[in-house]
Amino acid sequence: MKMNIALKEASETQYWLSLLKAIDYLDSKLAESIINDCKELNKMLVAIVKQQKEK
């Protein structure tokens, strides 16, 4: 259950980072780097949540 919360928070963080990039609040190169890290984290969390559901 805790991983579901972590996944939700990581997804929300990715959303806000995208918005900050879109309004040029963050440098585009920096924003892309952080967003890519966030996407990787989301992929890991999705895999963990799926694995937990299978148990």
PDB file of N, CA and C in Angstrom:
ATOM      1  N   MET A   1       0.815  -1.198   0.000  1.00  0.00           N
ATOM      2  CA  MET A   1       0.000   0.000   0.000  1.00  0.00           C
ATOM      3  C   MET A   1       0.862   1.267   0.000  1.00  0.00           C
ATOM      4  N   LYS A   2       1.956   1.224   0.730  1.00  0.00           N
ATOM      5  CA  LYS A   2       2.835   2.391   0.794  1.00  0.00           C
ATOM      6  C   LYS A   2       3.452   2.688  -0.564  1.00  0.00           C
ATOM      7  N   MET A   3       3.703   1.652  -1.342  1.00  0.00           N
ATOM      8  CA  MET A   3       4.295   1.868  -2.662  1.00  0.00           C
ATOM      9  C   MET A   3       3.302   2.549  -3.599  1.00  0.00           C
ATOM     10  N   ASN A   4       2.008   2.290  -3.417  1.00  0.00           N
ATOM     11  CA  ASN A   4       0.995   2.990  -4.206  1.00  0.00           C
ATOM     12  C   ASN A   4       1.051   4.494  -3.947  1.00  0.00           C
ATOM     13  N   ILE A   5       1.257   4.850  -2.696  1.00  0.00           N
ATOM     14  CA  ILE A   5       1.354   6.262  -2.330  1.00  0.00           C
ATOM     15  C   ILE A   5       2.613   6.858  -2.949  1.00  0.00           C
ATOM     16  N   ALA A   6       3.717   6.124  -2.875  1.00  0.00           N
ATOM     17  CA  ALA A   6       4.972   6.599  -3.460  1.00  0.00           C
ATOM     18  C   ALA A   6       4.812   6.800  -4.967  1.00  0.00           C
ATOM     19  N   LEU A   7       4.124   5.873  -5.633  1.00  0.00           N
ATOM     20  CA  LEU A   7       3.890   5.979  -7.077  1.00  0.00           C
ATOM     21  C   LEU A   7       3.044   7.206  -7.391  1.00  0.00           C
ATOM     22  N   LYS A   8       2.011   7.429  -6.613  1.00  0.00           N
ATOM     23  CA  LYS A   8       1.157   8.600  -6.821  1.00  0.00           C
ATOM     24  C   LYS A   8       1.959   9.889  -6.653  1.00  0.00           C
ATOM     25  N   GLU A   9       2.769   9.952  -5.620  1.00  0.00           N
ATOM     26  CA  GLU A   9       3.571  11.150  -5.360  1.00  0.00           C
ATOM     27  C   GLU A   9       4.611  11.375  -6.457  1.00  0.00           C
ATOM     28  N   ALA A  10       5.244  10.309  -6.928  1.00  0.00           N
ATOM     29  CA  ALA A  10       6.241  10.435  -7.998  1.00  0.00           C
ATOM     30  C   ALA A  10       5.575  10.910  -9.293  1.00  0.00           C
ATOM     31  N   SER A  11       4.388  10.405  -9.571  1.00  0.00           N
ATOM     32  CA  SER A  11       3.656  10.837 -10.762  1.00  0.00           C
ATOM     33  C   SER A  11       3.268  12.304 -10.671  1.00  0.00           C
ATOM     34  N   GLU A  12       2.841  12.717  -9.492  1.00  0.00           N
ATOM     35  CA  GLU A  12       2.475  14.116  -9.293  1.00  0.00           C
ATOM     36  C   GLU A  12       3.705  15.023  -9.421  1.00  0.00           C
ATOM     37  N   THR A  13       4.819  14.569  -8.899  1.00  0.00           N
ATOM     38  CA  THR A  13       6.060  15.334  -9.015  1.00  0.00           C
ATOM     39  C   THR A  13       6.447  15.514 -10.472  1.00  0.00           C
ATOM     40  N   GLN A  14       6.307  14.456 -11.255  1.00  0.00           N
ATOM     41  CA  GLN A  14       6.611  14.530 -12.687  1.00  0.00           C
ATOM     42  C   GLN A  14       5.697  15.543 -13.378  1.00  0.00           C
ATOM     43  N   TYR A  15       4.441  15.541 -13.014  1.00  0.00           N
ATOM     44  CA  TYR A  15       3.483  16.493 -13.577  1.00  0.00           C
ATOM     45  C   TYR A  15       3.915  17.930 -13.277  1.00  0.00           C
ATOM     46  N   TRP A  16       4.238  18.217 -12.012  1.00  0.00           N
ATOM     47  CA  TRP A  16       4.616  19.579 -11.631  1.00  0.00           C
ATOM     48  C   TRP A  16       5.924  19.998 -12.280  1.00  0.00           C
ATOM     49  N   LEU A  17       6.863  19.085 -12.396  1.00  0.00           N
ATOM     50  CA  LEU A  17       8.117  19.400 -13.079  1.00  0.00           C
ATOM     51  C   LEU A  17       7.862  19.769 -14.540  1.00  0.00           C
ATOM     52  N   SER A  18       6.958  19.044 -15.175  1.00  0.00           N
ATOM     53  CA  SER A  18       6.611  19.347 -16.567  1.00  0.00           C
ATOM     54  C   SER A  18       6.001  20.738 -16.691  1.00  0.00           C
ATOM     55  N   LEU A  19       5.157  21.089 -15.738  1.00  0.00           N
ATOM     56  CA  LEU A  19       4.570  22.429 -15.743  1.00  0.00           C
ATOM     57  C   LEU A  19       5.633  23.510 -15.538  1.00  0.00           C
ATOM     58  N   LEU A  20       6.531  23.276 -14.613  1.00  0.00           N
ATOM     59  CA  LEU A  20       7.597  24.249 -14.364  1.00  0.00           C
ATOM     60  C   LEU A  20       8.481  24.424 -15.590  1.00  0.00           C
ATOM     61  N   LYS A  21       8.702  23.360 -16.314  1.00  0.00           N
ATOM     62  CA  LYS A  21       9.476  23.440 -17.558  1.00  0.00           C
ATOM     63  C   LYS A  21       8.691  24.229 -18.609  1.00  0.00           C
ATOM     64  N   ALA A  22       7.404  23.948 -18.699  1.00  0.00           N
ATOM     65  CA  ALA A  22       6.560  24.582 -19.713  1.00  0.00           C
ATOM     66  C   ALA A  22       6.488  26.104 -19.552  1.00  0.00           C
ATOM     67  N   ILE A  23       6.540  26.572 -18.328  1.00  0.00           N
ATOM     68  CA  ILE A  23       6.478  28.022 -18.106  1.00  0.00           C
ATOM     69  C   ILE A  23       7.880  28.634 -17.985  1.00  0.00           C
ATOM     70  N   ASP A  24       8.877  27.854 -18.323  1.00  0.00           N
ATOM     71  CA  ASP A  24      10.281  28.294 -18.295  1.00  0.00           C
ATOM     72  C   ASP A  24      10.754  28.724 -16.911  1.00  0.00           C
ATOM     73  N   TYR A  25      10.189  28.106 -15.885  1.00  0.00           N
ATOM     74  CA  TYR A  25      10.659  28.368 -14.525  1.00  0.00           C
ATOM     75  C   TYR A  25      11.966  27.628 -14.278  1.00  0.00           C
ATOM     76  N   LEU A  26      12.078  26.441 -14.884  1.00  0.00           N
ATOM     77  CA  LEU A  26      13.305  25.652 -14.805  1.00  0.00           C
ATOM     78  C   LEU A  26      14.016  25.676 -16.146  1.00  0.00           C
ATOM     79  N   ASP A  27      15.321  25.649 -16.093  1.00  0.00           N
ATOM     80  CA  ASP A  27      16.125  25.517 -17.299  1.00  0.00           C
ATOM     81  C   ASP A  27      15.724  24.227 -18.006  1.00  0.00           C
ATOM     82  N   SER A  28      15.546  24.284 -19.313  1.00  0.00           N
ATOM     83  CA  SER A  28      15.043  23.150 -20.078  1.00  0.00           C
ATOM     84  C   SER A  28      15.912  21.908 -19.921  1.00  0.00           C
ATOM     85  N   LYS A  29      17.211  22.086 -19.971  1.00  0.00           N
ATOM     86  CA  LYS A  29      18.126  20.944 -19.863  1.00  0.00           C
ATOM     87  C   LYS A  29      18.057  20.314 -18.472  1.00  0.00           C
ATOM     88  N   LEU A  30      18.035  21.142 -17.451  1.00  0.00           N
ATOM     89  CA  LEU A  30      17.919  20.653 -16.079  1.00  0.00           C
ATOM     90  C   LEU A  30      16.580  19.960 -15.874  1.00  0.00           C
ATOM     91  N   ALA A  31      15.516  20.585 -16.360  1.00  0.00           N
ATOM     92  CA  ALA A  31      14.181  20.012 -16.208  1.00  0.00           C
ATOM     93  C   ALA A  31      14.093  18.648 -16.872  1.00  0.00           C
ATOM     94  N   GLU A  32      14.625  18.520 -18.069  1.00  0.00           N
ATOM     95  CA  GLU A  32      14.594  17.232 -18.773  1.00  0.00           C
ATOM     96  C   GLU A  32      15.328  16.156 -17.984  1.00  0.00           C
ATOM     97  N   SER A  33      16.460  16.512 -17.422  1.00  0.00           N
ATOM     98  CA  SER A  33      17.228  15.563 -16.631  1.00  0.00           C
ATOM     99  C   SER A  33      16.438  15.082 -15.416  1.00  0.00           C
ATOM    100  N   ILE A  34      15.829  16.016 -14.706  1.00  0.00           N
ATOM    101  CA  ILE A  34      15.056  15.669 -13.511  1.00  0.00           C
ATOM    102  C   ILE A  34      13.812  14.873 -13.898  1.00  0.00           C
ATOM    103  N   ILE A  35      13.142  15.274 -14.958  1.00  0.00           N
ATOM    104  CA  ILE A  35      11.935  14.568 -15.410  1.00  0.00           C
ATOM    105  C   ILE A  35      12.286  13.142 -15.825  1.00  0.00           C
ATOM    106  N   ASN A  36      13.410  12.963 -16.508  1.00  0.00           N
ATOM    107  CA  ASN A  36      13.826  11.619 -16.890  1.00  0.00           C
ATOM    108  C   ASN A  36      14.111  10.756 -15.665  1.00  0.00           C
ATOM    109  N   ASP A  37      14.731  11.338 -14.658  1.00  0.00           N
ATOM    110  CA  ASP A  37      14.950  10.600 -13.408  1.00  0.00           C
ATOM    111  C   ASP A  37      13.619  10.211 -12.775  1.00  0.00           C
ATOM    112  N   CYS A  38      12.681  11.120 -12.817  1.00  0.00           N
ATOM    113  CA  CYS A  38      11.359  10.873 -12.251  1.00  0.00           C
ATOM    114  C   CYS A  38      10.638   9.756 -13.015  1.00  0.00           C
ATOM    115  N   LYS A  39      10.776   9.752 -14.327  1.00  0.00           N
ATOM    116  CA  LYS A  39      10.168   8.697 -15.145  1.00  0.00           C
ATOM    117  C   LYS A  39      10.750   7.334 -14.790  1.00  0.00           C
ATOM    118  N   GLU A  40      12.062   7.278 -14.588  1.00  0.00           N
ATOM    119  CA  GLU A  40      12.704   6.021 -14.206  1.00  0.00           C
ATOM    120  C   GLU A  40      12.201   5.546 -12.843  1.00  0.00           C
ATOM    121  N   LEU A  41      12.065   6.471 -11.922  1.00  0.00           N
ATOM    122  CA  LEU A  41      11.527   6.135 -10.603  1.00  0.00           C
ATOM    123  C   LEU A  41      10.104   5.602 -10.731  1.00  0.00           C
ATOM    124  N   ASN A  42       9.299   6.245 -11.573  1.00  0.00           N
ATOM    125  CA  ASN A  42       7.926   5.780 -11.793  1.00  0.00           C
ATOM    126  C   ASN A  42       7.910   4.353 -12.338  1.00  0.00           C
ATOM    127  N   LYS A  43       8.798   4.056 -13.286  1.00  0.00           N
ATOM    128  CA  LYS A  43       8.868   2.707 -13.851  1.00  0.00           C
ATOM    129  C   LYS A  43       9.194   1.675 -12.770  1.00  0.00           C
ATOM    130  N   MET A  44      10.135   2.014 -11.905  1.00  0.00           N
ATOM    131  CA  MET A  44      10.502   1.094 -10.818  1.00  0.00           C
ATOM    132  C   MET A  44       9.333   0.885  -9.864  1.00  0.00           C
ATOM    133  N   LEU A  45       8.661   1.968  -9.517  1.00  0.00           N
ATOM    134  CA  LEU A  45       7.536   1.869  -8.593  1.00  0.00           C
ATOM    135  C   LEU A  45       6.376   1.089  -9.197  1.00  0.00           C
ATOM    136  N   VAL A  46       6.123   1.269 -10.494  1.00  0.00           N
ATOM    137  CA  VAL A  46       5.070   0.498 -11.169  1.00  0.00           C
ATOM    138  C   VAL A  46       5.392  -0.986 -11.090  1.00  0.00           C
ATOM    139  N   ALA A  47       6.645  -1.351 -11.335  1.00  0.00           N
ATOM    140  CA  ALA A  47       7.050  -2.759 -11.275  1.00  0.00           C
ATOM    141  C   ALA A  47       6.865  -3.325  -9.869  1.00  0.00           C
ATOM    142  N   ILE A  48       7.213  -2.540  -8.856  1.00  0.00           N
ATOM    143  CA  ILE A  48       7.053  -2.992  -7.470  1.00  0.00           C
ATOM    144  C   ILE A  48       5.584  -3.177  -7.133  1.00  0.00           C
ATOM    145  N   VAL A  49       4.747  -2.219  -7.523  1.00  0.00           N
ATOM    146  CA  VAL A  49       3.310  -2.307  -7.237  1.00  0.00           C
ATOM    147  C   VAL A  49       2.711  -3.524  -7.930  1.00  0.00           C
ATOM    148  N   LYS A  50       3.078  -3.753  -9.182  1.00  0.00           N
ATOM    149  CA  LYS A  50       2.568  -4.938  -9.912  1.00  0.00           C
ATOM    150  C   LYS A  50       2.999  -6.219  -9.215  1.00  0.00           C
ATOM    151  N   GLN A  51       4.237  -6.268  -8.779  1.00  0.00           N
ATOM    152  CA  GLN A  51       4.748  -7.451  -8.117  1.00  0.00           C
ATOM    153  C   GLN A  51       4.008  -7.695  -6.801  1.00  0.00           C
ATOM    154  N   GLN A  52       3.720  -6.637  -6.070  1.00  0.00           N
ATOM    155  CA  GLN A  52       2.985  -6.765  -4.818  1.00  0.00           C
ATOM    156  C   GLN A  52       1.572  -7.271  -5.043  1.00  0.00           C
ATOM    157  N   LYS A  53       0.938  -6.838  -6.136  1.00  0.00           N
ATOM    158  CA  LYS A  53      -0.429  -7.277  -6.436  1.00  0.00           C
ATOM    159  C   LYS A  53      -0.472  -8.760  -6.793  1.00  0.00           C
ATOM    160  N   GLU A  54       0.614  -9.272  -7.379  1.00  0.00           N
ATOM    161  CA  GLU A  54       0.661 -10.670  -7.775  1.00  0.00           C
ATOM    162  C   GLU A  54       0.772 -11.599  -6.574  1.00  0.00           C
ATOM    163  N   LYS A  55       1.280 -11.075  -5.463  1.00  0.00           N
ATOM    164  CA  LYS A  55       1.479 -11.917  -4.265  1.00  0.00           C
ATOM    165  C   LYS A  55       0.200 -12.157  -3.528  1.00  0.00           C
TER     166      LYS A  55
END
